[in-house]
Structures are given as structure tokens and as C-alpha cells.
Amino acid sequence: MAIRVQNVPKKKKKSNREYFWCGKKKFSSLEKAAMGVAGGNKKRVANAKARIRDSVKNGTLYCGEVWRYGKEI
């Protein structure tokens, strides 16, 4: 009698990391989110950070989306 070995799918680990979300895009830090929005323009990063913080806190639109902070969807 032959023994059959089956591949058991591994359970996906849920991440405890939190991200800044803009729609379905996620950024691991506020700095990376601001750089992504500012297109790499360092002069605009400070303004982008402030506007992202306001969007998260007050639920206002920035770049056409309401930003949020939290774990994966």
C-alpha cells in the first residue's frame, strides 16, 4: 500500500502592521504616502503630510479619496 502525501495549504498570517490607505493603495508610512502623492518633489512632501493627516483625522478628501489609517482590509 502506497502512502500519498498531500500538500496542505499554509494559512495566511494576518499582519498586525497598520498602513495609510488611499482607496486600495496602501503605504507603510506617512513619509512614503506623502512622497507618492507629491511625486517625489521634496518641497511638496510637508504639505502632503499635513493634508493626509487632516484627511485621516477629519474624513476630508485629498487626491480624490478619503484617507484612512489602519490594518489591511
PDB file of N, CA and C in Angstrom:
ATOM      1  N   MET A   1       0.854  -1.172   0.000  1.00  0.00           N
ATOM      2  CA  MET A   1       0.000   0.000   0.000  1.00  0.00           C
ATOM      3  C   MET A   1       0.905   1.242   0.000  1.00  0.00           C
ATOM      4  N   ALA A   2       0.663   2.166  -0.945  1.00  0.00           N
ATOM      5  CA  ALA A   2       1.461   3.378  -1.075  1.00  0.00           C
ATOM      6  C   ALA A   2       0.867   4.501  -0.226  1.00  0.00           C
ATOM      7  N   ILE A   3       1.739   5.275   0.339  1.00  0.00           N
ATOM      8  CA  ILE A   3       1.301   6.419   1.147  1.00  0.00           C
ATOM      9  C   ILE A   3       1.326   7.644   0.255  1.00  0.00           C
ATOM     10  N   ARG A   4       0.227   8.385   0.246  1.00  0.00           N
ATOM     11  CA  ARG A   4       0.140   9.601  -0.558  1.00  0.00           C
ATOM     12  C   ARG A   4       0.336  10.816   0.351  1.00  0.00           C
ATOM     13  N   VAL A   5       1.176  11.680  -0.089  1.00  0.00           N
ATOM     14  CA  VAL A   5       1.429  12.904   0.669  1.00  0.00           C
ATOM     15  C   VAL A   5       0.693  14.038  -0.029  1.00  0.00           C
ATOM     16  N   GLN A   6      -0.111  14.738   0.720  1.00  0.00           N
ATOM     17  CA  GLN A   6      -0.852  15.864   0.157  1.00  0.00           C
ATOM     18  C   GLN A   6      -0.217  17.171   0.597  1.00  0.00           C
ATOM     19  N   ASN A   7      -0.266  18.131  -0.303  1.00  0.00           N
ATOM     20  CA  ASN A   7       0.183  19.474   0.058  1.00  0.00           C
ATOM     21  C   ASN A   7      -0.938  20.165   0.820  1.00  0.00           C
ATOM     22  N   VAL A   8      -0.645  20.518   2.022  1.00  0.00           N
ATOM     23  CA  VAL A   8      -1.625  21.219   2.847  1.00  0.00           C
ATOM     24  C   VAL A   8      -1.354  22.714   2.700  1.00  0.00           C
ATOM     25  N   PRO A   9      -2.377  23.469   2.245  1.00  0.00           N
ATOM     26  CA  PRO A   9      -2.140  24.909   2.081  1.00  0.00           C
ATOM     27  C   PRO A   9      -1.837  25.584   3.416  1.00  0.00           C
ATOM     28  N   LYS A  10      -0.855  26.456   3.379  1.00  0.00           N
ATOM     29  CA  LYS A  10      -0.491  27.196   4.585  1.00  0.00           C
ATOM     30  C   LYS A  10      -1.495  28.302   4.827  1.00  0.00           C
ATOM     31  N   LYS A  11      -1.807  28.516   6.074  1.00  0.00           N
ATOM     32  CA  LYS A  11      -2.702  29.619   6.421  1.00  0.00           C
ATOM     33  C   LYS A  11      -1.954  30.923   6.264  1.00  0.00           C
ATOM     34  N   LYS A  12      -2.631  31.891   5.718  1.00  0.00           N
ATOM     35  CA  LYS A  12      -2.021  33.213   5.588  1.00  0.00           C
ATOM     36  C   LYS A  12      -1.989  33.881   6.946  1.00  0.00           C
ATOM     37  N   LYS A  13      -0.832  34.416   7.263  1.00  0.00           N
ATOM     38  CA  LYS A  13      -0.703  35.138   8.520  1.00  0.00           C
ATOM     39  C   LYS A  13      -1.301  36.523   8.363  1.00  0.00           C
ATOM     40  N   LYS A  14      -2.100  36.906   9.323  1.00  0.00           N
ATOM     41  CA  LYS A  14      -2.645  38.253   9.297  1.00  0.00           C
ATOM     42  C   LYS A  14      -1.608  39.199   9.867  1.00  0.00           C
ATOM     43  N   SER A  15      -1.417  40.258   9.169  1.00  0.00           N
ATOM     44  CA  SER A  15      -0.415  41.228   9.578  1.00  0.00           C
ATOM     45  C   SER A  15      -0.972  42.154  10.660  1.00  0.00           C
ATOM     46  N   ASN A  16      -0.146  42.472  11.612  1.00  0.00           N
ATOM     47  CA  ASN A  16      -0.531  43.447  12.630  1.00  0.00           C
ATOM     48  C   ASN A  16      -0.106  44.855  12.241  1.00  0.00           C
ATOM     49  N   ARG A  17       0.560  44.964  11.084  1.00  0.00           N
ATOM     50  CA  ARG A  17       1.022  46.274  10.642  1.00  0.00           C
ATOM     51  C   ARG A  17      -0.159  47.141  10.253  1.00  0.00           C
ATOM     52  N   GLU A  18       0.020  48.412  10.435  1.00  0.00           N
ATOM     53  CA  GLU A  18      -1.009  49.363  10.027  1.00  0.00           C
ATOM     54  C   GLU A  18      -0.458  50.203   8.893  1.00  0.00           C
ATOM     55  N   TYR A  19      -1.342  50.627   8.028  1.00  0.00           N
ATOM     56  CA  TYR A  19      -0.964  51.336   6.813  1.00  0.00           C
ATOM     57  C   TYR A  19      -1.806  52.595   6.649  1.00  0.00           C
ATOM     58  N   PHE A  20      -1.318  53.479   5.798  1.00  0.00           N
ATOM     59  CA  PHE A  20      -2.119  54.606   5.333  1.00  0.00           C
ATOM     60  C   PHE A  20      -2.755  54.149   4.029  1.00  0.00           C
ATOM     61  N   TRP A  21      -4.062  54.253   3.954  1.00  0.00           N
ATOM     62  CA  TRP A  21      -4.807  53.787   2.793  1.00  0.00           C
ATOM     63  C   TRP A  21      -5.385  54.956   2.014  1.00  0.00           C
ATOM     64  N   CYS A  22      -5.254  54.893   0.705  1.00  0.00           N
ATOM     65  CA  CYS A  22      -5.890  55.837  -0.213  1.00  0.00           C
ATOM     66  C   CYS A  22      -6.601  54.978  -1.253  1.00  0.00           C
ATOM     67  N   GLY A  23      -7.882  54.766  -1.059  1.00  0.00           N
ATOM     68  CA  GLY A  23      -8.585  53.823  -1.913  1.00  0.00           C
ATOM     69  C   GLY A  23      -8.037  52.431  -1.640  1.00  0.00           C
ATOM     70  N   LYS A  24      -7.546  51.756  -2.671  1.00  0.00           N
ATOM     71  CA  LYS A  24      -6.968  50.418  -2.492  1.00  0.00           C
ATOM     72  C   LYS A  24      -5.451  50.454  -2.364  1.00  0.00           C
ATOM     73  N   LYS A  25      -4.859  51.622  -2.524  1.00  0.00           N
ATOM     74  CA  LYS A  25      -3.417  51.744  -2.379  1.00  0.00           C
ATOM     75  C   LYS A  25      -3.065  51.813  -0.903  1.00  0.00           C
ATOM     76  N   LYS A  26      -1.962  51.163  -0.540  1.00  0.00           N
ATOM     77  CA  LYS A  26      -1.523  51.234   0.848  1.00  0.00           C
ATOM     78  C   LYS A  26      -0.069  51.673   0.900  1.00  0.00           C
ATOM     79  N   PHE A  27       0.208  52.441   1.919  1.00  0.00           N
ATOM     80  CA  PHE A  27       1.558  52.962   2.155  1.00  0.00           C
ATOM     81  C   PHE A  27       1.957  52.589   3.572  1.00  0.00           C
ATOM     82  N   SER A  28       3.181  52.130   3.743  1.00  0.00           N
ATOM     83  CA  SER A  28       3.618  51.649   5.052  1.00  0.00           C
ATOM     84  C   SER A  28       3.940  52.763   6.041  1.00  0.00           C
ATOM     85  N   SER A  29       4.103  53.984   5.553  1.00  0.00           N
ATOM     86  CA  SER A  29       4.382  55.094   6.469  1.00  0.00           C
ATOM     87  C   SER A  29       3.820  56.389   5.876  1.00  0.00           C
ATOM     88  N   LEU A  30       3.685  57.373   6.722  1.00  0.00           N
ATOM     89  CA  LEU A  30       3.207  58.677   6.269  1.00  0.00           C
ATOM     90  C   LEU A  30       4.194  59.287   5.285  1.00  0.00           C
ATOM     91  N   GLU A  31       5.493  59.095   5.533  1.00  0.00           N
ATOM     92  CA  GLU A  31       6.524  59.629   4.650  1.00  0.00           C
ATOM     93  C   GLU A  31       6.385  59.047   3.234  1.00  0.00           C
ATOM     94  N   LYS A  32       6.185  57.733   3.136  1.00  0.00           N
ATOM     95  CA  LYS A  32       6.051  57.092   1.828  1.00  0.00           C
ATOM     96  C   LYS A  32       4.764  57.528   1.134  1.00  0.00           C
ATOM     97  N   ALA A  33       3.696  57.695   1.899  1.00  0.00           N
ATOM     98  CA  ALA A  33       2.438  58.153   1.325  1.00  0.00           C
ATOM     99  C   ALA A  33       2.589  59.563   0.763  1.00  0.00           C
ATOM    100  N   ALA A  34       3.246  60.430   1.517  1.00  0.00           N
ATOM    101  CA  ALA A  34       3.437  61.813   1.069  1.00  0.00           C
ATOM    102  C   ALA A  34       4.342  61.871  -0.155  1.00  0.00           C
ATOM    103  N   MET A  35       5.397  61.043  -0.173  1.00  0.00           N
ATOM    104  CA  MET A  35       6.285  61.007  -1.343  1.00  0.00           C
ATOM    105  C   MET A  35       5.537  60.510  -2.584  1.00  0.00           C
ATOM    106  N   GLY A  36       4.657  59.535  -2.398  1.00  0.00           N
ATOM    107  CA  GLY A  36       3.872  59.017  -3.512  1.00  0.00           C
ATOM    108  C   GLY A  36       2.923  60.060  -4.071  1.00  0.00           C
ATOM    109  N   VAL A  37       2.297  60.818  -3.200  1.00  0.00           N
ATOM    110  CA  VAL A  37       1.365  61.857  -3.626  1.00  0.00           C
ATOM    111  C   VAL A  37       2.106  63.028  -4.266  1.00  0.00           C
ATOM    112  N   ALA A  38       3.239  63.393  -3.677  1.00  0.00           N
ATOM    113  CA  ALA A  38       3.994  64.554  -4.156  1.00  0.00           C
ATOM    114  C   ALA A  38       4.829  64.227  -5.392  1.00  0.00           C
ATOM    115  N   GLY A  39       4.830  62.985  -5.806  1.00  0.00           N
ATOM    116  CA  GLY A  39       5.577  62.609  -6.991  1.00  0.00           C
ATOM    117  C   GLY A  39       7.083  62.747  -6.822  1.00  0.00           C
ATOM    118  N   GLY A  40       7.548  62.636  -5.599  1.00  0.00           N
ATOM    119  CA  GLY A  40       8.980  62.739  -5.339  1.00  0.00           C
ATOM    120  C   GLY A  40       9.490  64.160  -5.169  1.00  0.00           C
ATOM    121  N   ASN A  41       8.616  65.142  -5.283  1.00  0.00           N
ATOM    122  CA  ASN A  41       9.006  66.547  -5.117  1.00  0.00           C
ATOM    123  C   ASN A  41       9.128  66.845  -3.626  1.00  0.00           C
ATOM    124  N   LYS A  42      10.342  66.982  -3.144  1.00  0.00           N
ATOM    125  CA  LYS A  42      10.581  67.149  -1.704  1.00  0.00           C
ATOM    126  C   LYS A  42       9.973  68.423  -1.139  1.00  0.00           C
ATOM    127  N   LYS A  43       9.787  69.432  -1.963  1.00  0.00           N
ATOM    128  CA  LYS A  43       9.189  70.683  -1.483  1.00  0.00           C
ATOM    129  C   LYS A  43       7.705  70.507  -1.158  1.00  0.00           C
ATOM    130  N   ARG A  44       7.056  69.551  -1.799  1.00  0.00           N
ATOM    131  CA  ARG A  44       5.622  69.331  -1.585  1.00  0.00           C
ATOM    132  C   ARG A  44       5.314  68.298  -0.506  1.00  0.00           C
ATOM    133  N   VAL A  45       6.326  67.587  -0.038  1.00  0.00           N
ATOM    134  CA  VAL A  45       6.109  66.499   0.914  1.00  0.00           C
ATOM    135  C   VAL A  45       5.509  66.998   2.227  1.00  0.00           C
ATOM    136  N   ALA A  46       5.999  68.083   2.773  1.00  0.00           N
ATOM    137  CA  ALA A  46       5.485  68.601   4.055  1.00  0.00           C
ATOM    138  C   ALA A  46       4.000  68.944   3.945  1.00  0.00           C
ATOM    139  N   ASN A  47       3.620  69.581   2.839  1.00  0.00           N
ATOM    140  CA  ASN A  47       2.217  69.915   2.628  1.00  0.00           C
ATOM    141  C   ASN A  47       1.376  68.643   2.473  1.00  0.00           C
ATOM    142  N   ALA A  48       1.902  67.666   1.752  1.00  0.00           N
ATOM    143  CA  ALA A  48       1.176  66.412   1.551  1.00  0.00           C
ATOM    144  C   ALA A  48       0.971  65.682   2.880  1.00  0.00           C
ATOM    145  N   LYS A  49       1.979  65.665   3.733  1.00  0.00           N
ATOM    146  CA  LYS A  49       1.859  65.021   5.042  1.00  0.00           C
ATOM    147  C   LYS A  49       0.736  65.655   5.855  1.00  0.00           C
ATOM    148  N   ALA A  50       0.719  66.975   5.882  1.00  0.00           N
ATOM    149  CA  ALA A  50      -0.303  67.691   6.649  1.00  0.00           C
ATOM    150  C   ALA A  50      -1.699  67.398   6.105  1.00  0.00           C
ATOM    151  N   ARG A  51      -1.825  67.371   4.799  1.00  0.00           N
ATOM    152  CA  ARG A  51      -3.146  67.128   4.194  1.00  0.00           C
ATOM    153  C   ARG A  51      -3.599  65.684   4.390  1.00  0.00           C
ATOM    154  N   ILE A  52      -2.667  64.739   4.373  1.00  0.00           N
ATOM    155  CA  ILE A  52      -3.024  63.336   4.631  1.00  0.00           C
ATOM    156  C   ILE A  52      -3.477  63.183   6.080  1.00  0.00           C
ATOM    157  N   ARG A  53      -2.744  63.799   7.014  1.00  0.00           N
ATOM    158  CA  ARG A  53      -3.138  63.748   8.435  1.00  0.00           C
ATOM    159  C   ARG A  53      -4.539  64.310   8.624  1.00  0.00           C
ATOM    160  N   ASP A  54      -4.832  65.447   7.983  1.00  0.00           N
ATOM    161  CA  ASP A  54      -6.162  66.057   8.087  1.00  0.00           C
ATOM    162  C   ASP A  54      -7.237  65.140   7.509  1.00  0.00           C
ATOM    163  N   SER A  55      -6.941  64.497   6.389  1.00  0.00           N
ATOM    164  CA  SER A  55      -7.906  63.602   5.781  1.00  0.00           C
ATOM    165  C   SER A  55      -8.214  62.417   6.678  1.00  0.00           C
ATOM    166  N   VAL A  56      -7.177  61.853   7.299  1.00  0.00           N
ATOM    167  CA  VAL A  56      -7.372  60.723   8.217  1.00  0.00           C
ATOM    168  C   VAL A  56      -8.183  61.165   9.426  1.00  0.00           C
ATOM    169  N   LYS A  57      -7.834  62.309   9.990  1.00  0.00           N
ATOM    170  CA  LYS A  57      -8.467  62.789  11.217  1.00  0.00           C
ATOM    171  C   LYS A  57      -9.909  63.253  10.988  1.00  0.00           C
ATOM    172  N   ASN A  58     -10.133  64.020   9.914  1.00  0.00           N
ATOM    173  CA  ASN A  58     -11.437  64.661   9.715  1.00  0.00           C
ATOM    174  C   ASN A  58     -12.313  63.997   8.661  1.00  0.00           C
ATOM    175  N   GLY A  59     -11.758  63.042   7.933  1.00  0.00           N
ATOM    176  CA  GLY A  59     -12.542  62.384   6.884  1.00  0.00           C
ATOM    177  C   GLY A  59     -12.733  63.245   5.652  1.00  0.00           C
ATOM    178  N   THR A  60     -11.833  64.196   5.417  1.00  0.00           N
ATOM    179  CA  THR A  60     -11.927  65.055   4.246  1.00  0.00           C
ATOM    180  C   THR A  60     -11.218  64.419   3.057  1.00  0.00           C
ATOM    181  N   LEU A  61     -11.569  64.868   1.878  1.00  0.00           N
ATOM    182  CA  LEU A  61     -10.950  64.342   0.664  1.00  0.00           C
ATOM    183  C   LEU A  61      -9.573  64.946   0.439  1.00  0.00           C
ATOM    184  N   TYR A  62      -8.665  64.118  -0.036  1.00  0.00           N
ATOM    185  CA  TYR A  62      -7.360  64.578  -0.507  1.00  0.00           C
ATOM    186  C   TYR A  62      -6.970  63.665  -1.655  1.00  0.00           C
ATOM    187  N   CYS A  63      -6.658  64.246  -2.785  1.00  0.00           N
ATOM    188  CA  CYS A  63      -6.348  63.496  -4.014  1.00  0.00           C
ATOM    189  C   CYS A  63      -7.536  62.639  -4.451  1.00  0.00           C
ATOM    190  N   GLY A  64      -8.728  63.127  -4.190  1.00  0.00           N
ATOM    191  CA  GLY A  64      -9.938  62.442  -4.638  1.00  0.00           C
ATOM    192  C   GLY A  64     -10.384  61.286  -3.769  1.00  0.00           C
ATOM    193  N   GLU A  65      -9.720  61.035  -2.668  1.00  0.00           N
ATOM    194  CA  GLU A  65     -10.067  59.929  -1.783  1.00  0.00           C
ATOM    195  C   GLU A  65     -10.038  60.391  -0.330  1.00  0.00           C
ATOM    196  N   VAL A  66     -10.795  59.708   0.500  1.00  0.00           N
ATOM    197  CA  VAL A  66     -10.688  59.907   1.938  1.00  0.00           C
ATOM    198  C   VAL A  66      -9.627  58.936   2.420  1.00  0.00           C
ATOM    199  N   TRP A  67      -8.596  59.455   3.031  1.00  0.00           N
ATOM    200  CA  TRP A  67      -7.515  58.626   3.535  1.00  0.00           C
ATOM    201  C   TRP A  67      -7.919  58.025   4.869  1.00  0.00           C
ATOM    202  N   ARG A  68      -7.374  56.860   5.154  1.00  0.00           N
ATOM    203  CA  ARG A  68      -7.592  56.263   6.463  1.00  0.00           C
ATOM    204  C   ARG A  68      -6.330  55.565   6.917  1.00  0.00           C
ATOM    205  N   TYR A  69      -6.289  55.258   8.190  1.00  0.00           N
ATOM    206  CA  TYR A  69      -5.137  54.591   8.784  1.00  0.00           C
ATOM    207  C   TYR A  69      -5.641  53.353   9.485  1.00  0.00           C
ATOM    208  N   GLY A  70      -5.027  52.222   9.211  1.00  0.00           N
ATOM    209  CA  GLY A  70      -5.448  51.007   9.893  1.00  0.00           C
ATOM    210  C   GLY A  70      -4.825  49.769   9.289  1.00  0.00           C
ATOM    211  N   LYS A  71      -5.335  48.641   9.725  1.00  0.00           N
ATOM    212  CA  LYS A  71      -4.827  47.355   9.258  1.00  0.00           C
ATOM    213  C   LYS A  71      -5.387  47.034   7.886  1.00  0.00           C
ATOM    214  N   GLU A  72      -4.923  45.935   7.326  1.00  0.00           N
ATOM    215  CA  GLU A  72      -5.357  45.538   5.988  1.00  0.00           C
ATOM    216  C   GLU A  72      -6.856  45.293   5.944  1.00  0.00           C
ATOM    217  N   ILE A  73      -7.395  45.498   4.774  1.00  0.00           N
ATOM    218  CA  ILE A  73      -8.840  45.317   4.561  1.00  0.00           C
ATOM    219  C   ILE A  73      -9.168  43.834   4.586  1.00  0.00           C
TER     220      ILE A  73
END
